């Protein structure tokens, strides 16, 4: 009897093992669909959102009703946006993984130590178009980042960033500037492509 039971158990294990690859594929498929659904639900909560906005994976947006996205924006994994004071992100901007953008901070002059938990100073963050923000960047409240700027990985952005500036470090400092002539040419080509797509959306591939 014990031998028969052992044979049945082995057979069931073999059958189960044969199904595991299919189960894994279905699990991955379901996870993808769940993720897409969550992202779509989150977009509907935003103050405004353009077309072709993509979230790579997990993203946390606090107070999404104060957050605005332009068109063609890519946001990497494990990004945190604190929209308490307002966040605006311009067209064609790319944000790497583990980026944190804050738009509010506790008031250290409030009437409790170390601070009152429900008292915040709101300072909106504005990020221009064609901005590239590398991985592990921290942007503090009140920052304005100009069009075409690049924020190097690991940067703590503590002051406004000029258009076309490439900044890095902790705290941030200007490393150099992008070539304006080259940038303007690419921006013009981009605008022309956008105009073509707006008049004939079927051209988009």
N, C-alpha and C. Protein backbone atom coordinates (compact mmCIF):
# COMPACT_ATOMS: atom_id res chain seq x y z
N UNK A 1 0.82 -1.21 0.00
CA UNK A 1 0.00 0.00 0.00
C UNK A 1 0.86 1.26 0.00
N UNK A 2 1.88 1.21 0.79
CA UNK A 2 2.79 2.35 0.88
C UNK A 2 3.49 2.59 -0.45
N UNK A 3 3.84 1.48 -1.14
CA UNK A 3 4.52 1.58 -2.44
C UNK A 3 3.59 2.20 -3.49
N UNK A 4 2.32 1.81 -3.45
CA UNK A 4 1.33 2.37 -4.40
C UNK A 4 1.16 3.87 -4.16
N UNK A 5 1.05 4.23 -2.89
CA UNK A 5 0.91 5.65 -2.53
C UNK A 5 2.10 6.47 -3.01
N UNK A 6 3.29 5.89 -2.87
CA UNK A 6 4.51 6.57 -3.31
C UNK A 6 4.51 6.78 -4.83
N UNK A 7 4.06 5.75 -5.56
CA UNK A 7 4.00 5.86 -7.03
C UNK A 7 3.02 6.93 -7.46
N UNK A 8 1.87 6.97 -6.79
CA UNK A 8 0.85 7.99 -7.12
C UNK A 8 1.39 9.40 -6.85
N UNK A 9 2.07 9.52 -5.71
CA UNK A 9 2.65 10.83 -5.36
C UNK A 9 3.67 11.27 -6.40
N UNK A 10 4.53 10.35 -6.81
CA UNK A 10 5.55 10.67 -7.83
C UNK A 10 4.90 11.08 -9.15
N UNK A 11 3.83 10.38 -9.53
CA UNK A 11 3.15 10.69 -10.79
C UNK A 11 2.51 12.07 -10.73
N UNK A 12 1.86 12.34 -9.59
CA UNK A 12 1.25 13.67 -9.43
C UNK A 12 2.29 14.78 -9.46
N UNK A 13 3.45 14.55 -8.86
CA UNK A 13 4.53 15.53 -8.87
C UNK A 13 5.01 15.79 -10.29
N UNK A 14 5.13 14.72 -11.09
CA UNK A 14 5.57 14.87 -12.47
C UNK A 14 4.57 15.67 -13.30
N UNK A 15 3.28 15.38 -13.05
CA UNK A 15 2.23 16.12 -13.75
C UNK A 15 2.27 17.61 -13.37
N UNK A 16 2.41 17.84 -12.07
CA UNK A 16 2.46 19.23 -11.58
C UNK A 16 3.66 19.97 -12.16
N UNK A 17 4.82 19.31 -12.17
CA UNK A 17 6.03 19.93 -12.72
C UNK A 17 5.87 20.27 -14.19
N UNK A 18 5.14 19.44 -14.92
CA UNK A 18 4.94 19.71 -16.34
C UNK A 18 4.08 20.95 -16.56
N UNK A 19 3.23 21.29 -15.56
CA UNK A 19 2.36 22.46 -15.68
C UNK A 19 3.01 23.76 -15.19
N UNK A 20 4.10 23.62 -14.42
CA UNK A 20 4.70 24.81 -13.81
C UNK A 20 5.10 25.87 -14.84
N UNK A 21 5.76 25.52 -15.95
CA UNK A 21 6.10 26.57 -16.93
C UNK A 21 4.88 27.35 -17.42
N UNK A 22 3.75 26.66 -17.61
CA UNK A 22 2.53 27.33 -18.06
C UNK A 22 1.96 28.23 -16.96
N UNK A 23 2.05 27.75 -15.72
CA UNK A 23 1.57 28.55 -14.59
C UNK A 23 2.39 29.82 -14.45
N UNK A 24 3.72 29.70 -14.61
CA UNK A 24 4.60 30.86 -14.51
C UNK A 24 4.26 31.88 -15.59
N UNK A 25 4.02 31.40 -16.82
CA UNK A 25 3.67 32.31 -17.93
C UNK A 25 2.36 33.04 -17.63
N UNK A 26 1.39 32.32 -17.10
CA UNK A 26 0.12 32.95 -16.76
C UNK A 26 0.28 33.95 -15.63
N UNK A 27 1.14 33.61 -14.67
CA UNK A 27 1.39 34.55 -13.56
C UNK A 27 2.01 35.84 -14.08
N UNK A 28 3.00 35.72 -14.97
CA UNK A 28 3.63 36.90 -15.55
C UNK A 28 2.63 37.71 -16.36
N UNK A 29 1.77 37.03 -17.10
CA UNK A 29 0.76 37.71 -17.91
C UNK A 29 -0.20 38.48 -17.01
N UNK A 30 -0.67 37.83 -15.94
CA UNK A 30 -1.60 38.49 -15.02
C UNK A 30 -0.95 39.68 -14.32
N UNK A 31 0.31 39.51 -13.91
CA UNK A 31 1.02 40.61 -13.26
C UNK A 31 1.13 41.81 -14.19
N UNK A 32 1.41 41.55 -15.47
CA UNK A 32 1.50 42.63 -16.45
C UNK A 32 0.17 43.35 -16.60
N UNK A 33 -0.91 42.58 -16.70
CA UNK A 33 -2.23 43.17 -16.86
C UNK A 33 -2.65 43.96 -15.62
N UNK A 34 -2.34 43.44 -14.44
CA UNK A 34 -2.65 44.14 -13.19
C UNK A 34 -1.88 45.45 -13.11
N UNK A 35 -0.60 45.40 -13.51
CA UNK A 35 0.23 46.60 -13.50
C UNK A 35 -0.33 47.66 -14.45
N UNK A 36 -0.72 47.23 -15.65
CA UNK A 36 -1.29 48.15 -16.63
C UNK A 36 -2.57 48.79 -16.09
N UNK A 37 -3.38 47.98 -15.43
CA UNK A 37 -4.63 48.49 -14.86
C UNK A 37 -4.35 49.54 -13.78
N UNK A 38 -3.40 49.23 -12.88
CA UNK A 38 -3.06 50.18 -11.82
C UNK A 38 -2.52 51.49 -12.39
N UNK A 39 -1.68 51.38 -13.42
CA UNK A 39 -1.12 52.58 -14.04
C UNK A 39 -2.23 53.43 -14.68
N UNK A 40 -3.18 52.77 -15.32
CA UNK A 40 -4.28 53.48 -15.95
C UNK A 40 -5.14 54.18 -14.91
N UNK A 41 -5.40 53.49 -13.80
CA UNK A 41 -6.18 54.08 -12.71
C UNK A 41 -5.46 55.30 -12.13
N UNK A 42 -4.14 55.19 -12.00
CA UNK A 42 -3.35 56.29 -11.45
C UNK A 42 -3.39 57.50 -12.38
N UNK A 43 -3.27 57.26 -13.68
CA UNK A 43 -3.32 58.36 -14.65
C UNK A 43 -4.63 59.13 -14.58
N UNK A 44 -5.71 58.42 -14.30
CA UNK A 44 -7.01 59.07 -14.21
C UNK A 44 -7.13 59.98 -12.99
N UNK A 45 -6.24 59.79 -12.01
CA UNK A 45 -6.27 60.62 -10.81
C UNK A 45 -5.41 61.88 -10.94
N UNK A 46 -4.59 61.94 -11.98
CA UNK A 46 -3.68 63.08 -12.15
C UNK A 46 -4.44 64.35 -12.52
N UNK A 47 -3.82 65.48 -12.23
CA UNK A 47 -4.41 66.77 -12.59
C UNK A 47 -4.56 66.87 -14.11
N UNK A 48 -3.52 66.47 -14.83
CA UNK A 48 -3.59 66.39 -16.29
C UNK A 48 -2.52 65.42 -16.75
N UNK A 49 -2.76 64.77 -17.89
CA UNK A 49 -1.80 63.81 -18.42
C UNK A 49 -1.91 63.81 -19.94
N UNK A 50 -0.76 63.88 -20.62
CA UNK A 50 -0.74 63.87 -22.07
C UNK A 50 -0.74 62.45 -22.62
N UNK A 51 -0.37 62.34 -23.88
CA UNK A 51 -0.35 61.04 -24.54
C UNK A 51 1.04 60.41 -24.39
N UNK A 52 1.09 59.10 -24.55
CA UNK A 52 2.33 58.32 -24.54
C UNK A 52 3.14 58.52 -23.25
N UNK A 53 2.43 58.51 -22.13
CA UNK A 53 3.08 58.56 -20.82
C UNK A 53 3.23 57.12 -20.33
N UNK A 54 4.48 56.71 -20.03
CA UNK A 54 4.76 55.33 -19.67
C UNK A 54 5.41 55.24 -18.29
N UNK A 55 4.90 54.33 -17.47
CA UNK A 55 5.51 54.00 -16.19
C UNK A 55 6.17 52.64 -16.36
N UNK A 56 7.46 52.55 -16.11
CA UNK A 56 8.21 51.31 -16.32
C UNK A 56 7.73 50.19 -15.39
N UNK A 57 7.46 50.57 -14.14
CA UNK A 57 7.08 49.55 -13.16
C UNK A 57 6.41 50.24 -11.99
N UNK A 58 6.80 49.87 -10.78
CA UNK A 58 6.18 50.46 -9.60
C UNK A 58 6.47 51.96 -9.54
N UNK A 59 5.44 52.73 -9.22
CA UNK A 59 5.58 54.17 -9.04
C UNK A 59 4.64 54.60 -7.93
N UNK A 60 5.10 55.54 -7.11
CA UNK A 60 4.25 56.07 -6.04
C UNK A 60 4.05 57.55 -6.27
N UNK A 61 2.79 57.96 -6.39
CA UNK A 61 2.47 59.37 -6.57
C UNK A 61 1.51 59.77 -5.45
N UNK A 62 2.00 60.55 -4.50
CA UNK A 62 1.16 61.07 -3.44
C UNK A 62 0.48 62.35 -3.92
N UNK A 63 -0.80 62.50 -3.59
CA UNK A 63 -1.59 63.65 -4.02
C UNK A 63 -1.53 63.83 -5.55
N UNK A 64 -1.92 62.79 -6.30
CA UNK A 64 -1.82 62.85 -7.76
C UNK A 64 -2.65 63.97 -8.38
N UNK A 65 -3.66 64.46 -7.67
CA UNK A 65 -4.49 65.54 -8.19
C UNK A 65 -3.72 66.83 -8.39
N UNK A 66 -2.49 66.89 -7.85
CA UNK A 66 -1.64 68.09 -8.01
C UNK A 66 -0.49 67.86 -8.98
N UNK A 67 -0.51 66.74 -9.71
CA UNK A 67 0.59 66.38 -10.59
C UNK A 67 0.14 66.43 -12.05
N UNK A 68 0.94 67.09 -12.90
CA UNK A 68 0.62 67.23 -14.32
C UNK A 68 1.76 66.66 -15.16
N UNK A 69 1.40 65.84 -16.15
CA UNK A 69 2.36 65.27 -17.09
C UNK A 69 2.06 65.79 -18.49
N UNK A 70 3.12 66.08 -19.24
CA UNK A 70 2.96 66.42 -20.64
C UNK A 70 2.88 65.17 -21.49
N UNK A 71 3.35 65.27 -22.73
CA UNK A 71 3.32 64.14 -23.66
C UNK A 71 4.66 63.41 -23.68
N UNK A 72 4.60 62.14 -24.03
CA UNK A 72 5.79 61.32 -24.29
C UNK A 72 6.77 61.37 -23.10
N UNK A 73 6.28 60.94 -21.96
CA UNK A 73 7.09 60.93 -20.73
C UNK A 73 7.33 59.48 -20.31
N UNK A 74 8.56 59.19 -19.92
CA UNK A 74 8.93 57.86 -19.44
C UNK A 74 9.41 57.98 -18.00
N UNK A 75 8.87 57.13 -17.12
CA UNK A 75 9.25 57.14 -15.72
C UNK A 75 9.67 55.73 -15.32
N UNK A 76 10.89 55.61 -14.78
CA UNK A 76 11.46 54.32 -14.43
C UNK A 76 10.88 53.73 -13.16
N UNK A 77 11.52 52.64 -12.70
CA UNK A 77 11.04 51.86 -11.56
C UNK A 77 11.29 52.57 -10.23
N UNK A 78 10.37 52.37 -9.29
CA UNK A 78 10.52 52.84 -7.90
C UNK A 78 10.70 54.36 -7.79
N UNK A 79 9.98 55.09 -8.60
CA UNK A 79 10.00 56.56 -8.52
C UNK A 79 8.93 57.01 -7.53
N UNK A 80 9.27 58.05 -6.73
CA UNK A 80 8.33 58.62 -5.76
C UNK A 80 8.12 60.08 -6.10
N UNK A 81 6.86 60.47 -6.32
CA UNK A 81 6.50 61.86 -6.56
C UNK A 81 5.58 62.32 -5.44
N UNK A 82 6.04 63.28 -4.65
CA UNK A 82 5.19 63.85 -3.60
C UNK A 82 4.53 65.10 -4.18
N UNK A 83 3.29 64.95 -4.63
CA UNK A 83 2.61 66.04 -5.31
C UNK A 83 1.91 67.01 -4.38
N UNK A 84 2.22 66.96 -3.11
CA UNK A 84 1.54 67.79 -2.13
C UNK A 84 1.53 69.27 -2.53
N UNK A 85 2.68 69.76 -2.99
CA UNK A 85 2.78 71.18 -3.36
C UNK A 85 2.66 71.43 -4.85
N UNK A 86 2.52 70.36 -5.64
CA UNK A 86 2.37 70.50 -7.08
C UNK A 86 3.63 70.12 -7.84
N UNK A 87 3.49 69.26 -8.85
CA UNK A 87 4.60 68.86 -9.71
C UNK A 87 4.13 68.93 -11.16
N UNK A 88 4.92 69.58 -12.00
CA UNK A 88 4.63 69.65 -13.43
C UNK A 88 5.84 69.11 -14.19
N UNK A 89 5.60 68.15 -15.09
CA UNK A 89 6.67 67.54 -15.88
C UNK A 89 6.36 67.74 -17.36
N UNK A 90 7.30 68.36 -18.09
CA UNK A 90 7.07 68.73 -19.47
C UNK A 90 7.25 67.59 -20.45
N UNK A 91 6.92 67.88 -21.71
CA UNK A 91 6.96 66.88 -22.78
C UNK A 91 8.34 66.25 -22.94
N UNK A 92 8.31 64.98 -23.35
CA UNK A 92 9.51 64.26 -23.77
C UNK A 92 10.58 64.19 -22.68
N UNK A 93 10.15 64.06 -21.46
CA UNK A 93 11.08 63.97 -20.33
C UNK A 93 11.24 62.51 -19.90
N UNK A 94 12.46 62.14 -19.55
CA UNK A 94 12.77 60.79 -19.09
C UNK A 94 13.28 60.84 -17.65
N UNK A 95 12.70 60.00 -16.80
CA UNK A 95 13.08 59.95 -15.39
C UNK A 95 13.54 58.54 -15.06
N UNK A 96 14.77 58.39 -14.57
CA UNK A 96 15.34 57.09 -14.27
C UNK A 96 14.78 56.47 -13.00
N UNK A 97 15.32 55.30 -12.64
CA UNK A 97 14.79 54.57 -11.48
C UNK A 97 15.24 55.21 -10.16
N UNK A 98 14.44 54.97 -9.13
CA UNK A 98 14.73 55.42 -7.74
C UNK A 98 14.82 56.94 -7.62
N UNK A 99 14.13 57.67 -8.47
CA UNK A 99 14.12 59.13 -8.37
C UNK A 99 13.04 59.56 -7.37
N UNK A 100 13.36 60.57 -6.55
CA UNK A 100 12.40 61.12 -5.60
C UNK A 100 12.25 62.62 -5.88
N UNK A 101 11.00 63.05 -6.08
CA UNK A 101 10.71 64.47 -6.31
C UNK A 101 9.76 64.93 -5.22
N UNK A 102 10.20 65.89 -4.42
CA UNK A 102 9.41 66.41 -3.30
C UNK A 102 8.91 67.81 -3.62
N UNK A 103 7.67 68.09 -3.21
CA UNK A 103 7.13 69.44 -3.44
C UNK A 103 6.60 70.06 -2.15
N UNK A 104 6.94 69.46 -1.02
CA UNK A 104 6.53 70.01 0.27
C UNK A 104 7.49 69.51 1.34
N UNK A 105 7.59 70.29 2.41
CA UNK A 105 8.45 69.89 3.52
C UNK A 105 7.82 70.35 4.83
N UNK A 106 8.20 69.70 5.91
CA UNK A 106 7.70 70.10 7.22
C UNK A 106 8.26 71.47 7.61
N UNK A 107 7.49 72.21 8.38
CA UNK A 107 7.91 73.52 8.86
C UNK A 107 8.62 73.36 10.20
N UNK A 108 9.95 73.60 10.20
CA UNK A 108 10.70 73.41 11.44
C UNK A 108 10.37 74.50 12.46
N UNK A 109 9.69 75.56 12.03
CA UNK A 109 9.31 76.63 12.96
C UNK A 109 7.89 76.43 13.49
N UNK A 110 7.33 75.26 13.29
CA UNK A 110 5.99 74.98 13.81
C UNK A 110 6.06 74.77 15.33
N UNK A 111 4.93 74.46 15.92
CA UNK A 111 4.83 74.47 17.38
C UNK A 111 5.01 73.10 18.03
N UNK A 112 5.89 72.27 17.46
CA UNK A 112 6.19 70.97 18.07
C UNK A 112 7.58 70.55 17.64
N UNK A 113 8.15 69.62 18.41
CA UNK A 113 9.48 69.09 18.09
C UNK A 113 9.37 67.61 17.75
N UNK A 114 10.10 67.12 16.73
CA UNK A 114 10.97 67.91 15.85
C UNK A 114 10.21 68.79 14.87
N UNK A 115 8.90 68.49 14.64
CA UNK A 115 8.05 69.32 13.79
C UNK A 115 6.61 68.84 13.97
N UNK A 116 5.66 69.67 13.55
CA UNK A 116 4.26 69.26 13.56
C UNK A 116 4.01 68.41 12.33
N UNK A 117 3.45 67.23 12.54
CA UNK A 117 3.33 66.26 11.46
C UNK A 117 2.38 66.70 10.36
N UNK A 118 1.40 67.55 10.67
CA UNK A 118 0.40 67.93 9.67
C UNK A 118 0.63 69.33 9.11
N UNK A 119 1.76 69.94 9.41
CA UNK A 119 2.06 71.28 8.91
C UNK A 119 3.14 71.19 7.85
N UNK A 120 2.83 71.64 6.63
CA UNK A 120 3.77 71.56 5.52
C UNK A 120 3.94 72.93 4.85
N UNK A 121 5.11 73.14 4.30
CA UNK A 121 5.36 74.28 3.42
C UNK A 121 5.35 73.74 1.99
N UNK A 122 4.43 74.23 1.18
CA UNK A 122 4.28 73.75 -0.19
C UNK A 122 5.11 74.60 -1.15
N UNK A 123 5.91 73.92 -1.97
CA UNK A 123 6.72 74.59 -2.98
C UNK A 123 6.68 73.75 -4.25
N UNK A 124 5.99 74.22 -5.30
CA UNK A 124 5.85 73.41 -6.51
C UNK A 124 7.18 73.17 -7.23
N UNK A 125 7.26 72.03 -7.87
CA UNK A 125 8.42 71.67 -8.69
C UNK A 125 7.97 71.70 -10.15
N UNK A 126 8.76 72.36 -11.00
CA UNK A 126 8.45 72.46 -12.43
C UNK A 126 9.63 71.91 -13.22
N UNK A 127 9.38 70.90 -14.02
CA UNK A 127 10.41 70.29 -14.87
C UNK A 127 10.03 70.56 -16.31
N UNK A 128 10.96 71.13 -17.08
CA UNK A 128 10.69 71.52 -18.46
C UNK A 128 10.60 70.33 -19.40
N UNK A 129 10.62 70.62 -20.67
CA UNK A 129 10.54 69.56 -21.68
C UNK A 129 11.94 69.09 -22.08
N UNK A 130 12.01 67.88 -22.61
CA UNK A 130 13.27 67.28 -23.08
C UNK A 130 14.31 67.17 -21.97
N UNK A 131 13.85 66.97 -20.75
CA UNK A 131 14.76 66.84 -19.60
C UNK A 131 15.07 65.36 -19.37
N UNK A 132 16.30 65.09 -19.01
CA UNK A 132 16.75 63.72 -18.72
C UNK A 132 17.23 63.68 -17.28
N UNK A 133 16.53 62.93 -16.43
CA UNK A 133 16.87 62.82 -15.02
C UNK A 133 17.37 61.40 -14.76
N UNK A 134 18.62 61.27 -14.35
CA UNK A 134 19.23 59.97 -14.14
C UNK A 134 18.73 59.27 -12.89
N UNK A 135 19.24 58.07 -12.66
CA UNK A 135 18.81 57.25 -11.53
C UNK A 135 19.24 57.84 -10.19
N UNK A 136 18.46 57.54 -9.15
CA UNK A 136 18.81 57.89 -7.76
C UNK A 136 18.97 59.39 -7.54
N UNK A 137 18.19 60.18 -8.25
CA UNK A 137 18.22 61.64 -8.09
C UNK A 137 17.18 62.05 -7.06
N UNK A 138 17.53 63.05 -6.23
CA UNK A 138 16.60 63.66 -5.29
C UNK A 138 16.41 65.12 -5.67
N UNK A 139 15.16 65.52 -5.87
CA UNK A 139 14.83 66.92 -6.20
C UNK A 139 14.01 67.48 -5.04
N UNK A 140 14.52 68.54 -4.41
CA UNK A 140 13.85 69.10 -3.24
C UNK A 140 12.75 70.06 -3.67
N UNK A 141 11.86 70.45 -2.73
CA UNK A 141 10.74 71.34 -3.08
C UNK A 141 11.19 72.68 -3.66
N UNK A 142 10.37 73.21 -4.57
CA UNK A 142 10.58 74.55 -5.12
C UNK A 142 11.52 74.64 -6.29
N UNK A 143 12.02 73.51 -6.81
CA UNK A 143 13.01 73.51 -7.88
C UNK A 143 12.34 73.70 -9.25
N UNK A 144 13.01 74.48 -10.11
CA UNK A 144 12.61 74.63 -11.51
C UNK A 144 13.77 74.12 -12.36
N UNK A 145 13.47 73.17 -13.25
CA UNK A 145 14.49 72.61 -14.15
C UNK A 145 14.15 73.02 -15.57
N UNK A 146 15.08 73.71 -16.22
CA UNK A 146 14.83 74.26 -17.55
C UNK A 146 14.82 73.21 -18.64
N UNK A 147 14.30 73.61 -19.80
CA UNK A 147 14.21 72.72 -20.96
C UNK A 147 15.58 72.17 -21.34
N UNK A 148 15.61 70.89 -21.69
CA UNK A 148 16.83 70.29 -22.21
C UNK A 148 17.91 70.01 -21.19
N UNK A 149 17.63 70.22 -19.92
CA UNK A 149 18.65 69.98 -18.89
C UNK A 149 18.85 68.47 -18.67
N UNK A 150 20.03 68.13 -18.16
CA UNK A 150 20.35 66.74 -17.82
C UNK A 150 20.81 66.70 -16.37
N UNK A 151 20.19 65.82 -15.57
CA UNK A 151 20.56 65.65 -14.16
C UNK A 151 21.27 64.31 -14.02
N UNK A 152 22.54 64.34 -13.68
CA UNK A 152 23.34 63.11 -13.59
C UNK A 152 22.84 62.22 -12.46
N UNK A 153 23.08 60.92 -12.60
CA UNK A 153 22.66 59.95 -11.60
C UNK A 153 23.24 60.29 -10.23
N UNK A 154 22.40 60.12 -9.20
CA UNK A 154 22.84 60.35 -7.84
C UNK A 154 22.88 61.79 -7.39
N UNK A 155 22.40 62.71 -8.21
CA UNK A 155 22.45 64.13 -7.88
C UNK A 155 21.37 64.51 -6.87
N UNK A 156 21.72 65.40 -5.94
CA UNK A 156 20.74 66.03 -5.06
C UNK A 156 20.55 67.46 -5.57
N UNK A 157 19.39 67.72 -6.16
CA UNK A 157 19.14 69.02 -6.80
C UNK A 157 18.62 69.99 -5.75
N UNK A 158 19.45 70.96 -5.39
CA UNK A 158 19.13 71.90 -4.31
C UNK A 158 18.91 73.32 -4.81
N UNK A 159 19.10 73.56 -6.13
CA UNK A 159 18.87 74.89 -6.69
C UNK A 159 18.35 74.73 -8.11
N UNK A 160 17.75 75.80 -8.64
CA UNK A 160 17.19 75.74 -9.98
C UNK A 160 18.25 75.38 -11.01
N UNK A 161 17.81 74.68 -12.06
CA UNK A 161 18.71 74.23 -13.11
C UNK A 161 18.38 74.99 -14.39
N UNK A 162 19.38 75.62 -14.99
CA UNK A 162 19.16 76.40 -16.19
C UNK A 162 18.89 75.50 -17.39
N UNK A 163 18.20 76.03 -18.41
CA UNK A 163 18.00 75.25 -19.63
C UNK A 163 19.34 74.78 -20.21
N UNK A 164 19.37 73.55 -20.68
CA UNK A 164 20.53 72.92 -21.34
C UNK A 164 21.70 72.63 -20.40
N UNK A 165 21.54 72.94 -19.11
CA UNK A 165 22.63 72.68 -18.17
C UNK A 165 22.72 71.18 -17.85
N UNK A 166 23.93 70.70 -17.67
CA UNK A 166 24.18 69.34 -17.20
C UNK A 166 24.72 69.46 -15.78
N UNK A 167 23.98 68.94 -14.81
CA UNK A 167 24.37 69.12 -13.42
C UNK A 167 24.58 67.76 -12.75
N UNK A 168 25.38 67.77 -11.69
CA UNK A 168 25.63 66.55 -10.94
C UNK A 168 26.20 66.90 -9.58
N UNK A 169 26.26 65.89 -8.70
CA UNK A 169 26.88 66.10 -7.39
C UNK A 169 25.89 66.25 -6.27
N UNK A 170 26.44 66.30 -5.04
CA UNK A 170 25.64 66.46 -3.83
C UNK A 170 26.29 67.52 -2.95
N UNK A 171 25.82 68.76 -2.97
CA UNK A 171 24.68 69.26 -3.74
C UNK A 171 25.02 69.45 -5.22
N UNK A 172 24.01 69.74 -6.01
CA UNK A 172 24.19 69.82 -7.46
C UNK A 172 25.04 71.02 -7.86
N UNK A 173 25.81 70.82 -8.92
CA UNK A 173 26.59 71.92 -9.51
C UNK A 173 26.60 71.72 -11.02
N UNK A 174 26.82 72.81 -11.73
CA UNK A 174 26.83 72.74 -13.19
C UNK A 174 28.15 72.11 -13.65
N UNK A 175 28.05 71.07 -14.44
CA UNK A 175 29.23 70.42 -15.01
C UNK A 175 29.59 71.08 -16.34
N UNK A 176 28.59 71.26 -17.18
CA UNK A 176 28.75 71.96 -18.46
C UNK A 176 27.37 72.18 -19.05
N UNK A 177 27.33 72.71 -20.27
CA UNK A 177 26.06 72.92 -20.96
C UNK A 177 26.02 72.11 -22.25
N UNK A 178 24.82 71.72 -22.64
CA UNK A 178 24.64 71.06 -23.92
C UNK A 178 24.89 72.06 -25.04
N UNK A 179 25.25 71.52 -26.21
CA UNK A 179 25.46 72.35 -27.39
C UNK A 179 24.11 72.90 -27.85
N UNK A 180 23.94 74.24 -27.76
CA UNK A 180 22.64 74.85 -28.05
C UNK A 180 22.23 74.66 -29.51
N UNK A 181 23.16 74.80 -30.42
CA UNK A 181 22.83 74.65 -31.83
C UNK A 181 22.34 73.23 -32.13
N UNK A 182 23.03 72.25 -31.57
CA UNK A 182 22.64 70.86 -31.74
C UNK A 182 21.27 70.59 -31.12
N UNK A 183 21.05 71.13 -29.92
CA UNK A 183 19.77 70.95 -29.24
C UNK A 183 18.63 71.59 -30.02
N UNK A 184 18.84 72.83 -30.48
CA UNK A 184 17.79 73.53 -31.23
C UNK A 184 17.42 72.79 -32.50
N UNK A 185 18.41 72.20 -33.17
CA UNK A 185 18.13 71.44 -34.40
C UNK A 185 17.26 70.23 -34.09
N UNK A 186 17.63 69.49 -33.02
CA UNK A 186 16.84 68.32 -32.63
C UNK A 186 15.43 68.71 -32.18
N UNK A 187 15.33 69.83 -31.47
CA UNK A 187 14.02 70.29 -31.00
C UNK A 187 13.13 70.68 -32.17
N UNK A 188 13.73 71.28 -33.21
CA UNK A 188 12.96 71.65 -34.39
C UNK A 188 12.47 70.41 -35.13
N UNK A 189 13.35 69.41 -35.27
CA UNK A 189 12.95 68.16 -35.91
C UNK A 189 11.82 67.49 -35.12
N UNK A 190 11.93 67.53 -33.82
CA UNK A 190 10.92 66.94 -32.95
C UNK A 190 9.58 67.65 -33.14
N UNK A 191 9.62 68.98 -33.20
CA UNK A 191 8.38 69.76 -33.38
C UNK A 191 7.75 69.46 -34.74
N UNK A 192 8.58 69.31 -35.77
CA UNK A 192 8.06 68.99 -37.11
C UNK A 192 7.40 67.61 -37.12
N UNK A 193 8.04 66.65 -36.45
CA UNK A 193 7.46 65.30 -36.38
C UNK A 193 6.13 65.31 -35.64
N UNK A 194 6.07 66.09 -34.54
CA UNK A 194 4.84 66.19 -33.77
C UNK A 194 3.72 66.81 -34.60
N UNK A 195 4.07 67.78 -35.44
CA UNK A 195 3.08 68.43 -36.30
C UNK A 195 2.54 67.45 -37.33
N UNK A 196 3.44 66.64 -37.90
CA UNK A 196 3.02 65.64 -38.88
C UNK A 196 2.07 64.63 -38.24
N UNK A 197 2.42 64.18 -37.03
CA UNK A 197 1.59 63.21 -36.33
C UNK A 197 0.23 63.78 -35.96
N UNK A 198 0.21 65.07 -35.61
CA UNK A 198 -1.06 65.69 -35.22
C UNK A 198 -2.01 65.82 -36.40
N UNK A 199 -1.44 66.00 -37.61
CA UNK A 199 -2.28 66.14 -38.80
C UNK A 199 -2.62 64.77 -39.40
N UNK A 200 -1.73 63.77 -39.15
CA UNK A 200 -1.97 62.43 -39.67
C UNK A 200 -1.52 61.40 -38.64
N UNK A 201 -2.35 61.12 -37.63
CA UNK A 201 -1.95 60.23 -36.54
C UNK A 201 -1.61 58.82 -37.00
N UNK A 202 -2.05 58.40 -38.20
CA UNK A 202 -1.75 57.06 -38.69
C UNK A 202 -0.27 56.90 -39.07
N UNK A 203 0.46 58.02 -39.12
CA UNK A 203 1.89 57.95 -39.47
C UNK A 203 2.72 57.41 -38.30
N UNK A 204 2.16 57.45 -37.10
CA UNK A 204 2.92 57.02 -35.92
C UNK A 204 3.13 55.52 -35.96
N UNK A 205 4.42 55.11 -35.82
CA UNK A 205 4.68 53.68 -35.88
C UNK A 205 5.13 53.10 -34.57
